Amino acid sequence: MKSLCGSLLFLAGIMSPYAGAYLVNGEMLLDDIEKRSAAAAGYVEGVTDTLNNSQFCIPAGTGTRQLKAVVKEYLVNNSALSAQPAAHSVSTALKASFPCGG
C-alpha cells in the first residue's frame, strides 16, 4: 500500500506541470470537422455524452451531423474560442444552441 501511495505521489509531482494542458483546442477541432474526420465526430459525441442533461439538453433524435454543424458554426463565428480547449468550445456551442429548460 505504501508503494502505491508513493507511486501516486510521484506521478502527481511529475504530472503537475501538465495539469492545465489539453491536447485538442478549438482550432484543431474545427479543422477536423471541416475535414469530416471521424475523430471530430467522436470528440463531439464524447463531450455530448458526458455533459448532456447537465450543461445542455440535446433533444432526442439529434444526430452527430447536426451536433458537428452547431459546433462548427459556433467556432467559425467565435474565433476567440480557437485557442481554448476543444471540450470547452463544444460545451459552449451546445449550451448556446440547446439550453436546458428552454
PDB file of N, CA and C in Angstrom:
ATOM      1  N   MET A   1       0.822  -1.190   0.000  1.00  0.00           N
ATOM      2  CA  MET A   1       0.000   0.000   0.000  1.00  0.00           C
ATOM      3  C   MET A   1       0.866   1.254   0.000  1.00  0.00           C
ATOM      4  N   LYS A   2       1.955   1.211   0.810  1.00  0.00           N
ATOM      5  CA  LYS A   2       2.833   2.378   0.862  1.00  0.00           C
ATOM      6  C   LYS A   2       3.468   2.647  -0.499  1.00  0.00           C
ATOM      7  N   SER A   3       3.826   1.578  -1.218  1.00  0.00           N
ATOM      8  CA  SER A   3       4.458   1.792  -2.524  1.00  0.00           C
ATOM      9  C   SER A   3       3.450   2.365  -3.527  1.00  0.00           C
ATOM     10  N   LEU A   4       2.188   1.969  -3.422  1.00  0.00           N
ATOM     11  CA  LEU A   4       1.160   2.519  -4.304  1.00  0.00           C
ATOM     12  C   LEU A   4       0.978   4.005  -4.024  1.00  0.00           C
ATOM     13  N   CYS A   5       0.882   4.373  -2.769  1.00  0.00           N
ATOM     14  CA  CYS A   5       0.739   5.791  -2.404  1.00  0.00           C
ATOM     15  C   CYS A   5       1.957   6.587  -2.846  1.00  0.00           C
ATOM     16  N   GLY A   6       3.120   6.009  -2.651  1.00  0.00           N
ATOM     17  CA  GLY A   6       4.342   6.688  -3.074  1.00  0.00           C
ATOM     18  C   GLY A   6       4.378   6.875  -4.583  1.00  0.00           C
ATOM     19  N   SER A   7       3.959   5.864  -5.321  1.00  0.00           N
ATOM     20  CA  SER A   7       3.928   5.957  -6.780  1.00  0.00           C
ATOM     21  C   SER A   7       2.950   7.023  -7.236  1.00  0.00           C
ATOM     22  N   LEU A   8       1.792   7.067  -6.594  1.00  0.00           N
ATOM     23  CA  LEU A   8       0.799   8.076  -6.958  1.00  0.00           C
ATOM     24  C   LEU A   8       1.299   9.484  -6.665  1.00  0.00           C
ATOM     25  N   LEU A   9       1.954   9.657  -5.532  1.00  0.00           N
ATOM     26  CA  LEU A   9       2.508  10.972  -5.209  1.00  0.00           C
ATOM     27  C   LEU A   9       3.604  11.358  -6.199  1.00  0.00           C
ATOM     28  N   PHE A  10       4.434  10.396  -6.577  1.00  0.00           N
ATOM     29  CA  PHE A  10       5.481  10.656  -7.562  1.00  0.00           C
ATOM     30  C   PHE A  10       4.863  11.089  -8.887  1.00  0.00           C
ATOM     31  N   LEU A  11       3.866  10.332  -9.348  1.00  0.00           N
ATOM     32  CA  LEU A  11       3.215  10.682 -10.619  1.00  0.00           C
ATOM     33  C   LEU A  11       2.540  12.044 -10.545  1.00  0.00           C
ATOM     34  N   ALA A  12       1.907  12.344  -9.431  1.00  0.00           N
ATOM     35  CA  ALA A  12       1.273  13.655  -9.272  1.00  0.00           C
ATOM     36  C   ALA A  12       2.316  14.763  -9.346  1.00  0.00           C
ATOM     37  N   GLY A  13       3.470  14.509  -8.775  1.00  0.00           N
ATOM     38  CA  GLY A  13       4.538  15.511  -8.806  1.00  0.00           C
ATOM     39  C   GLY A  13       5.090  15.749 -10.192  1.00  0.00           C
ATOM     40  N   ILE A  14       5.284  14.685 -10.964  1.00  0.00           N
ATOM     41  CA  ILE A  14       5.857  14.892 -12.301  1.00  0.00           C
ATOM     42  C   ILE A  14       4.812  15.344 -13.302  1.00  0.00           C
ATOM     43  N   MET A  15       3.528  15.092 -13.015  1.00  0.00           N
ATOM     44  CA  MET A  15       2.480  15.494 -13.937  1.00  0.00           C
ATOM     45  C   MET A  15       1.966  16.899 -13.673  1.00  0.00           C
ATOM     46  N   SER A  16       2.293  17.495 -12.541  1.00  0.00           N
ATOM     47  CA  SER A  16       1.724  18.798 -12.194  1.00  0.00           C
ATOM     48  C   SER A  16       1.991  19.884 -13.228  1.00  0.00           C
ATOM     49  N   PRO A  17       3.135  19.926 -13.936  1.00  0.00           N
ATOM     50  CA  PRO A  17       3.287  20.959 -14.953  1.00  0.00           C
ATOM     51  C   PRO A  17       2.284  20.810 -16.097  1.00  0.00           C
ATOM     52  N   TYR A  18       1.705  19.626 -16.241  1.00  0.00           N
ATOM     53  CA  TYR A  18       0.769  19.389 -17.336  1.00  0.00           C
ATOM     54  C   TYR A  18      -0.687  19.466 -16.889  1.00  0.00           C
ATOM     55  N   ALA A  19      -0.920  19.820 -15.662  1.00  0.00           N
ATOM     56  CA  ALA A  19      -2.278  19.796 -15.132  1.00  0.00           C
ATOM     57  C   ALA A  19      -3.225  20.688 -15.924  1.00  0.00           C
ATOM     58  N   GLY A  20      -2.771  21.817 -16.429  1.00  0.00           N
ATOM     59  CA  GLY A  20      -3.641  22.709 -17.172  1.00  0.00           C
ATOM     60  C   GLY A  20      -3.572  22.493 -18.664  1.00  0.00           C
ATOM     61  N   ALA A  21      -2.807  21.526 -19.115  1.00  0.00           N
ATOM     62  CA  ALA A  21      -2.630  21.297 -20.544  1.00  0.00           C
ATOM     63  C   ALA A  21      -3.813  20.529 -21.117  1.00  0.00           C
ATOM     64  N   TYR A  22      -4.025  20.709 -22.389  1.00  0.00           N
ATOM     65  CA  TYR A  22      -5.046  19.943 -23.098  1.00  0.00           C
ATOM     66  C   TYR A  22      -4.494  19.588 -24.464  1.00  0.00           C
ATOM     67  N   LEU A  23      -5.026  18.544 -25.036  1.00  0.00           N
ATOM     68  CA  LEU A  23      -4.477  18.021 -26.277  1.00  0.00           C
ATOM     69  C   LEU A  23      -5.106  18.620 -27.524  1.00  0.00           C
ATOM     70  N   VAL A  24      -6.369  19.003 -27.457  1.00  0.00           N
ATOM     71  CA  VAL A  24      -7.086  19.493 -28.629  1.00  0.00           C
ATOM     72  C   VAL A  24      -7.686  20.853 -28.306  1.00  0.00           C
ATOM     73  N   ASN A  25      -7.432  21.834 -29.167  1.00  0.00           N
ATOM     74  CA  ASN A  25      -8.059  23.138 -28.975  1.00  0.00           C
ATOM     75  C   ASN A  25      -9.149  23.336 -30.031  1.00  0.00           C
ATOM     76  N   GLY A  26      -9.852  24.441 -29.933  1.00  0.00           N
ATOM     77  CA  GLY A  26     -10.959  24.713 -30.843  1.00  0.00           C
ATOM     78  C   GLY A  26     -10.539  24.760 -32.294  1.00  0.00           C
ATOM     79  N   GLU A  27      -9.376  25.335 -32.556  1.00  0.00           N
ATOM     80  CA  GLU A  27      -8.885  25.417 -33.939  1.00  0.00           C
ATOM     81  C   GLU A  27      -8.633  24.026 -34.518  1.00  0.00           C
ATOM     82  N   MET A  28      -8.047  23.162 -33.731  1.00  0.00           N
ATOM     83  CA  MET A  28      -7.772  21.798 -34.194  1.00  0.00           C
ATOM     84  C   MET A  28      -9.072  21.040 -34.448  1.00  0.00           C
ATOM     85  N   LEU A  29     -10.044  21.230 -33.563  1.00  0.00           N
ATOM     86  CA  LEU A  29     -11.330  20.560 -33.731  1.00  0.00           C
ATOM     87  C   LEU A  29     -12.038  21.069 -34.980  1.00  0.00           C
ATOM     88  N   LEU A  30     -12.030  22.376 -35.190  1.00  0.00           N
ATOM     89  CA  LEU A  30     -12.657  22.951 -36.378  1.00  0.00           C
ATOM     90  C   LEU A  30     -12.016  22.384 -37.641  1.00  0.00           C
ATOM     91  N   ASP A  31     -10.711  22.289 -37.647  1.00  0.00           N
ATOM     92  CA  ASP A  31     -10.004  21.715 -38.794  1.00  0.00           C
ATOM     93  C   ASP A  31     -10.457  20.272 -39.035  1.00  0.00           C
ATOM     94  N   ASP A  32     -10.574  19.490 -37.976  1.00  0.00           N
ATOM     95  CA  ASP A  32     -11.022  18.104 -38.101  1.00  0.00           C
ATOM     96  C   ASP A  32     -12.473  18.017 -38.575  1.00  0.00           C
ATOM     97  N   ILE A  33     -13.323  18.914 -38.096  1.00  0.00           N
ATOM     98  CA  ILE A  33     -14.720  18.922 -38.540  1.00  0.00           C
ATOM     99  C   ILE A  33     -14.784  19.231 -40.032  1.00  0.00           C
ATOM    100  N   GLU A  34     -14.003  20.223 -40.460  1.00  0.00           N
ATOM    101  CA  GLU A  34     -14.007  20.597 -41.877  1.00  0.00           C
ATOM    102  C   GLU A  34     -13.460  19.486 -42.769  1.00  0.00           C
ATOM    103  N   LYS A  35     -12.572  18.659 -42.226  1.00  0.00           N
ATOM    104  CA  LYS A  35     -12.028  17.522 -42.979  1.00  0.00           C
ATOM    105  C   LYS A  35     -12.946  16.306 -42.889  1.00  0.00           C
ATOM    106  N   ARG A  36     -14.056  16.457 -42.184  1.00  0.00           N
ATOM    107  CA  ARG A  36     -15.018  15.375 -41.968  1.00  0.00           C
ATOM    108  C   ARG A  36     -14.359  14.170 -41.294  1.00  0.00           C
ATOM    109  N   SER A  37     -13.495  14.475 -40.368  1.00  0.00           N
ATOM    110  CA  SER A  37     -12.743  13.463 -39.641  1.00  0.00           C
ATOM    111  C   SER A  37     -13.637  12.688 -38.675  1.00  0.00           C
ATOM    112  N   ALA A  38     -13.414  11.385 -38.618  1.00  0.00           N
ATOM    113  CA  ALA A  38     -14.126  10.555 -37.642  1.00  0.00           C
ATOM    114  C   ALA A  38     -13.734  10.950 -36.228  1.00  0.00           C
ATOM    115  N   ALA A  39     -12.509  11.436 -36.063  1.00  0.00           N
ATOM    116  CA  ALA A  39     -12.054  11.873 -34.744  1.00  0.00           C
ATOM    117  C   ALA A  39     -12.904  13.039 -34.250  1.00  0.00           C
ATOM    118  N   ALA A  40     -13.258  13.957 -35.150  1.00  0.00           N
ATOM    119  CA  ALA A  40     -14.091  15.098 -34.769  1.00  0.00           C
ATOM    120  C   ALA A  40     -15.464  14.622 -34.308  1.00  0.00           C
ATOM    121  N   ALA A  41     -16.031  13.673 -35.041  1.00  0.00           N
ATOM    122  CA  ALA A  41     -17.338  13.133 -34.652  1.00  0.00           C
ATOM    123  C   ALA A  41     -17.252  12.479 -33.277  1.00  0.00           C
ATOM    124  N   GLY A  42     -16.205  11.700 -33.063  1.00  0.00           N
ATOM    125  CA  GLY A  42     -16.028  11.042 -31.775  1.00  0.00           C
ATOM    126  C   GLY A  42     -15.829  12.027 -30.642  1.00  0.00           C
ATOM    127  N   TYR A  43     -15.084  13.091 -30.927  1.00  0.00           N
ATOM    128  CA  TYR A  43     -14.830  14.098 -29.900  1.00  0.00           C
ATOM    129  C   TYR A  43     -16.138  14.780 -29.495  1.00  0.00           C
ATOM    130  N   VAL A  44     -16.903  15.225 -30.496  1.00  0.00           N
ATOM    131  CA  VAL A  44     -18.178  15.903 -30.213  1.00  0.00           C
ATOM    132  C   VAL A  44     -19.137  14.954 -29.497  1.00  0.00           C
ATOM    133  N   GLU A  45     -19.194  13.705 -29.949  1.00  0.00           N
ATOM    134  CA  GLU A  45     -20.057  12.720 -29.285  1.00  0.00           C
ATOM    135  C   GLU A  45     -19.632  12.489 -27.837  1.00  0.00           C
ATOM    136  N   GLY A  46     -18.333  12.424 -27.593  1.00  0.00           N
ATOM    137  CA  GLY A  46     -17.840  12.194 -26.241  1.00  0.00           C
ATOM    138  C   GLY A  46     -18.194  13.316 -25.288  1.00  0.00           C
ATOM    139  N   VAL A  47     -18.005  14.547 -25.739  1.00  0.00           N
ATOM    140  CA  VAL A  47     -18.374  15.698 -24.900  1.00  0.00           C
ATOM    141  C   VAL A  47     -19.878  15.711 -24.687  1.00  0.00           C
ATOM    142  N   THR A  48     -20.629  15.426 -25.748  1.00  0.00           N
ATOM    143  CA  THR A  48     -22.083  15.411 -25.644  1.00  0.00           C
ATOM    144  C   THR A  48     -22.543  14.358 -24.649  1.00  0.00           C
ATOM    145  N   ASP A  49     -22.027  13.147 -24.765  1.00  0.00           N
ATOM    146  CA  ASP A  49     -22.423  12.079 -23.849  1.00  0.00           C
ATOM    147  C   ASP A  49     -22.065  12.413 -22.399  1.00  0.00           C
ATOM    148  N   THR A  50     -20.959  13.090 -22.212  1.00  0.00           N
ATOM    149  CA  THR A  50     -20.502  13.413 -20.861  1.00  0.00           C
ATOM    150  C   THR A  50     -21.327  14.522 -20.217  1.00  0.00           C
ATOM    151  N   LEU A  51     -21.673  15.539 -20.981  1.00  0.00           N
ATOM    152  CA  LEU A  51     -22.291  16.734 -20.392  1.00  0.00           C
ATOM    153  C   LEU A  51     -23.779  16.912 -20.676  1.00  0.00           C
ATOM    154  N   ASN A  52     -24.354  16.043 -21.524  1.00  0.00           N
ATOM    155  CA  ASN A  52     -25.769  16.191 -21.855  1.00  0.00           C
ATOM    156  C   ASN A  52     -26.624  16.055 -20.600  1.00  0.00           C
ATOM    157  N   ASN A  53     -27.618  16.897 -20.522  1.00  0.00           N
ATOM    158  CA  ASN A  53     -28.571  16.980 -19.403  1.00  0.00           C
ATOM    159  C   ASN A  53     -27.974  17.583 -18.142  1.00  0.00           C
ATOM    160  N   SER A  54     -26.756  18.098 -18.221  1.00  0.00           N
ATOM    161  CA  SER A  54     -26.206  18.860 -17.101  1.00  0.00           C
ATOM    162  C   SER A  54     -25.771  20.242 -17.571  1.00  0.00           C
ATOM    163  N   GLN A  55     -25.038  20.318 -18.673  1.00  0.00           N
ATOM    164  CA  GLN A  55     -24.592  21.602 -19.214  1.00  0.00           C
ATOM    165  C   GLN A  55     -25.496  22.083 -20.347  1.00  0.00           C
ATOM    166  N   PHE A  56     -26.112  21.164 -21.030  1.00  0.00           N
ATOM    167  CA  PHE A  56     -27.019  21.442 -22.146  1.00  0.00           C
ATOM    168  C   PHE A  56     -27.954  20.254 -22.263  1.00  0.00           C
ATOM    169  N   CYS A  57     -29.021  20.404 -23.061  1.00  0.00           N
ATOM    170  CA  CYS A  57     -30.006  19.329 -23.188  1.00  0.00           C
ATOM    171  C   CYS A  57     -30.302  19.083 -24.669  1.00  0.00           C
ATOM    172  N   ILE A  58     -29.693  18.048 -25.202  1.00  0.00           N
ATOM    173  CA  ILE A  58     -29.845  17.700 -26.603  1.00  0.00           C
ATOM    174  C   ILE A  58     -31.181  16.979 -26.790  1.00  0.00           C
ATOM    175  N   PRO A  59     -32.030  17.452 -27.707  1.00  0.00           N
ATOM    176  CA  PRO A  59     -33.298  16.759 -27.942  1.00  0.00           C
ATOM    177  C   PRO A  59     -33.082  15.356 -28.510  1.00  0.00           C
ATOM    178  N   ALA A  60     -33.971  14.457 -28.155  1.00  0.00           N
ATOM    179  CA  ALA A  60     -33.920  13.097 -28.703  1.00  0.00           C
ATOM    180  C   ALA A  60     -33.969  13.172 -30.220  1.00  0.00           C
ATOM    181  N   GLY A  61     -33.209  12.321 -30.856  1.00  0.00           N
ATOM    182  CA  GLY A  61     -33.198  12.270 -32.309  1.00  0.00           C
ATOM    183  C   GLY A  61     -32.182  13.181 -32.973  1.00  0.00           C
ATOM    184  N   THR A  62     -31.495  14.000 -32.185  1.00  0.00           N
ATOM    185  CA  THR A  62     -30.462  14.874 -32.746  1.00  0.00           C
ATOM    186  C   THR A  62     -29.245  14.023 -33.069  1.00  0.00           C
ATOM    187  N   GLY A  63     -28.777  14.098 -34.306  1.00  0.00           N
ATOM    188  CA  GLY A  63     -27.660  13.267 -34.734  1.00  0.00           C
ATOM    189  C   GLY A  63     -26.309  13.959 -34.650  1.00  0.00           C
ATOM    190  N   THR A  64     -25.292  13.176 -34.814  1.00  0.00           N
ATOM    191  CA  THR A  64     -23.920  13.681 -34.760  1.00  0.00           C
ATOM    192  C   THR A  64     -23.673  14.737 -35.832  1.00  0.00           C
ATOM    193  N   ARG A  65     -24.207  14.542 -37.013  1.00  0.00           N
ATOM    194  CA  ARG A  65     -24.018  15.518 -38.096  1.00  0.00           C
ATOM    195  C   ARG A  65     -24.523  16.901 -37.676  1.00  0.00           C
ATOM    196  N   GLN A  66     -25.696  16.947 -37.040  1.00  0.00           N
ATOM    197  CA  GLN A  66     -26.247  18.224 -36.592  1.00  0.00           C
ATOM    198  C   GLN A  66     -25.395  18.820 -35.465  1.00  0.00           C
ATOM    199  N   LEU A  67     -24.948  17.986 -34.547  1.00  0.00           N
ATOM    200  CA  LEU A  67     -24.112  18.482 -33.453  1.00  0.00           C
ATOM    201  C   LEU A  67     -22.815  19.079 -33.985  1.00  0.00           C
ATOM    202  N   LYS A  68     -22.180  18.380 -34.939  1.00  0.00           N
ATOM    203  CA  LYS A  68     -20.941  18.910 -35.534  1.00  0.00           C
ATOM    204  C   LYS A  68     -21.215  20.222 -36.263  1.00  0.00           C
ATOM    205  N   ALA A  69     -22.354  20.335 -36.938  1.00  0.00           N
ATOM    206  CA  ALA A  69     -22.689  21.581 -37.641  1.00  0.00           C
ATOM    207  C   ALA A  69     -22.850  22.739 -36.661  1.00  0.00           C
ATOM    208  N   VAL A  70     -23.471  22.474 -35.527  1.00  0.00           N
ATOM    209  CA  VAL A  70     -23.639  23.505 -34.496  1.00  0.00           C
ATOM    210  C   VAL A  70     -22.279  23.941 -33.966  1.00  0.00           C
ATOM    211  N   VAL A  71     -21.428  22.977 -33.669  1.00  0.00           N
ATOM    212  CA  VAL A  71     -20.096  23.282 -33.136  1.00  0.00           C
ATOM    213  C   VAL A  71     -19.276  24.039 -34.185  1.00  0.00           C
ATOM    214  N   LYS A  72     -19.324  23.594 -35.425  1.00  0.00           N
ATOM    215  CA  LYS A  72     -18.572  24.259 -36.495  1.00  0.00           C
ATOM    216  C   LYS A  72     -19.018  25.710 -36.638  1.00  0.00           C
ATOM    217  N   GLU A  73     -20.315  25.931 -36.723  1.00  0.00           N
ATOM    218  CA  GLU A  73     -20.825  27.297 -36.876  1.00  0.00           C
ATOM    219  C   GLU A  73     -20.394  28.175 -35.705  1.00  0.00           C
ATOM    220  N   TYR A  74     -20.473  27.626 -34.508  1.00  0.00           N
ATOM    221  CA  TYR A  74     -20.105  28.394 -33.326  1.00  0.00           C
ATOM    222  C   TYR A  74     -18.617  28.751 -33.334  1.00  0.00           C
ATOM    223  N   LEU A  75     -17.772  27.792 -33.703  1.00  0.00           N
ATOM    224  CA  LEU A  75     -16.328  28.058 -33.752  1.00  0.00           C
ATOM    225  C   LEU A  75     -15.983  29.075 -34.838  1.00  0.00           C
ATOM    226  N   VAL A  76     -16.635  28.988 -35.981  1.00  0.00           N
ATOM    227  CA  VAL A  76     -16.387  29.940 -37.069  1.00  0.00           C
ATOM    228  C   VAL A  76     -16.787  31.355 -36.636  1.00  0.00           C
ATOM    229  N   ASN A  77     -17.900  31.463 -35.924  1.00  0.00           N
ATOM    230  CA  ASN A  77     -18.413  32.778 -35.516  1.00  0.00           C
ATOM    231  C   ASN A  77     -17.807  33.309 -34.217  1.00  0.00           C
ATOM    232  N   ASN A  78     -17.042  32.485 -33.537  1.00  0.00           N
ATOM    233  CA  ASN A  78     -16.437  32.885 -32.256  1.00  0.00           C
ATOM    234  C   ASN A  78     -14.971  32.473 -32.249  1.00  0.00           C
ATOM    235  N   SER A  79     -14.187  33.132 -33.061  1.00  0.00           N
ATOM    236  CA  SER A  79     -12.785  32.742 -33.246  1.00  0.00           C
ATOM    237  C   SER A  79     -11.964  32.824 -31.960  1.00  0.00           C
ATOM    238  N   ALA A  80     -12.437  33.552 -30.971  1.00  0.00           N
ATOM    239  CA  ALA A  80     -11.709  33.630 -29.698  1.00  0.00           C
ATOM    240  C   ALA A  80     -11.642  32.267 -29.016  1.00  0.00           C
ATOM    241  N   LEU A  81     -12.545  31.373 -29.369  1.00  0.00           N
ATOM    242  CA  LEU A  81     -12.539  30.037 -28.779  1.00  0.00           C
ATOM    243  C   LEU A  81     -11.499  29.123 -29.398  1.00  0.00           C
ATOM    244  N   SER A  82     -10.862  29.559 -30.470  1.00  0.00           N
ATOM    245  CA  SER A  82      -9.935  28.680 -31.180  1.00  0.00           C
ATOM    246  C   SER A  82      -8.751  28.233 -30.321  1.00  0.00           C
ATOM    247  N   ALA A  83      -8.354  29.049 -29.363  1.00  0.00           N
ATOM    248  CA  ALA A  83      -7.222  28.694 -28.506  1.00  0.00           C
ATOM    249  C   ALA A  83      -7.661  27.990 -27.225  1.00  0.00           C
ATOM    250  N   GLN A  84      -8.958  27.920 -27.000  1.00  0.00           N
ATOM    251  CA  GLN A  84      -9.487  27.278 -25.796  1.00  0.00           C
ATOM    252  C   GLN A  84      -9.505  25.765 -25.971  1.00  0.00           C
ATOM    253  N   PRO A  85      -9.569  25.019 -24.879  1.00  0.00           N
ATOM    254  CA  PRO A  85      -9.713  23.566 -25.008  1.00  0.00           C
ATOM    255  C   PRO A  85     -10.954  23.233 -25.824  1.00  0.00           C
ATOM    256  N   ALA A  86     -10.847  22.251 -26.680  1.00  0.00           N
ATOM    257  CA  ALA A  86     -11.966  21.896 -27.553  1.00  0.00           C
ATOM    258  C   ALA A  86     -13.203  21.489 -26.756  1.00  0.00           C
ATOM    259  N   ALA A  87     -13.027  20.831 -25.634  1.00  0.00           N
ATOM    260  CA  ALA A  87     -14.180  20.429 -24.824  1.00  0.00           C
ATOM    261  C   ALA A  87     -14.967  21.656 -24.372  1.00  0.00           C
ATOM    262  N   HIS A  88     -14.267  22.721 -24.009  1.00  0.00           N
ATOM    263  CA  HIS A  88     -14.930  23.973 -23.625  1.00  0.00           C
ATOM    264  C   HIS A  88     -15.686  24.553 -24.814  1.00  0.00           C
ATOM    265  N   SER A  89     -15.067  24.516 -25.988  1.00  0.00           N
ATOM    266  CA  SER A  89     -15.707  25.044 -27.195  1.00  0.00           C
ATOM    267  C   SER A  89     -16.977  24.269 -27.528  1.00  0.00           C
ATOM    268  N   VAL A  90     -16.908  22.958 -27.462  1.00  0.00           N
ATOM    269  CA  VAL A  90     -18.077  22.123 -27.752  1.00  0.00           C
ATOM    270  C   VAL A  90     -19.174  22.397 -26.735  1.00  0.00           C
ATOM    271  N   SER A  91     -18.812  22.411 -25.467  1.00  0.00           N
ATOM    272  CA  SER A  91     -19.784  22.657 -24.411  1.00  0.00           C
ATOM    273  C   SER A  91     -20.452  24.024 -24.579  1.00  0.00           C
ATOM    274  N   THR A  92     -19.670  25.046 -24.856  1.00  0.00           N
ATOM    275  CA  THR A  92     -20.213  26.394 -25.027  1.00  0.00           C
ATOM    276  C   THR A  92     -21.149  26.464 -26.222  1.00  0.00           C
ATOM    277  N   ALA A  93     -20.759  25.836 -27.326  1.00  0.00           N
ATOM    278  CA  ALA A  93     -21.585  25.837 -28.532  1.00  0.00           C
ATOM    279  C   ALA A  93     -22.909  25.116 -28.294  1.00  0.00           C
ATOM    280  N   LEU A  94     -22.848  23.961 -27.665  1.00  0.00           N
ATOM    281  CA  LEU A  94     -24.062  23.190 -27.451  1.00  0.00           C
ATOM    282  C   LEU A  94     -24.965  23.833 -26.395  1.00  0.00           C
ATOM    283  N   LYS A  95     -24.355  24.470 -25.412  1.00  0.00           N
ATOM    284  CA  LYS A  95     -25.133  25.171 -24.397  1.00  0.00           C
ATOM    285  C   LYS A  95     -25.916  26.334 -25.020  1.00  0.00           C
ATOM    286  N   ALA A  96     -25.287  27.020 -25.974  1.00  0.00           N
ATOM    287  CA  ALA A  96     -25.946  28.143 -26.648  1.00  0.00           C
ATOM    288  C   ALA A  96     -27.111  27.664 -27.525  1.00  0.00           C
ATOM    289  N   SER A  97     -26.940  26.503 -28.150  1.00  0.00           N
ATOM    290  CA  SER A  97     -27.961  26.004 -29.073  1.00  0.00           C
ATOM    291  C   SER A  97     -29.016  25.117 -28.409  1.00  0.00           C
ATOM    292  N   PHE A  98     -28.642  24.458 -27.345  1.00  0.00           N
ATOM    293  CA  PHE A  98     -29.546  23.504 -26.692  1.00  0.00           C
ATOM    294  C   PHE A  98     -29.585  23.724 -25.190  1.00  0.00           C
ATOM    295  N   PRO A  99     -30.053  24.907 -24.752  1.00  0.00           N
ATOM    296  CA  PRO A  99     -30.099  25.145 -23.302  1.00  0.00           C
ATOM    297  C   PRO A  99     -31.143  24.242 -22.642  1.00  0.00           C
ATOM    298  N   CYS A 100     -30.876  23.875 -21.421  1.00  0.00           N
ATOM    299  CA  CYS A 100     -31.851  23.065 -20.670  1.00  0.00           C
ATOM    300  C   CYS A 100     -32.995  23.953 -20.211  1.00  0.00           C
ATOM    301  N   GLY A 101     -34.188  23.416 -20.282  1.00  0.00           N
ATOM    302  CA  GLY A 101     -35.361  24.153 -19.832  1.00  0.00           C
ATOM    303  C   GLY A 101     -35.751  25.300 -20.741  1.00  0.00           C
ATOM    304  N   GLY A 102     -35.195  25.335 -21.938  1.00  0.00           N
ATOM    305  CA  GLY A 102     -35.512  26.467 -22.798  1.00  0.00           C
ATOM    306  C   GLY A 102     -36.049  26.035 -24.042  1.00  0.00           C
TER     307      GLY A 102
END
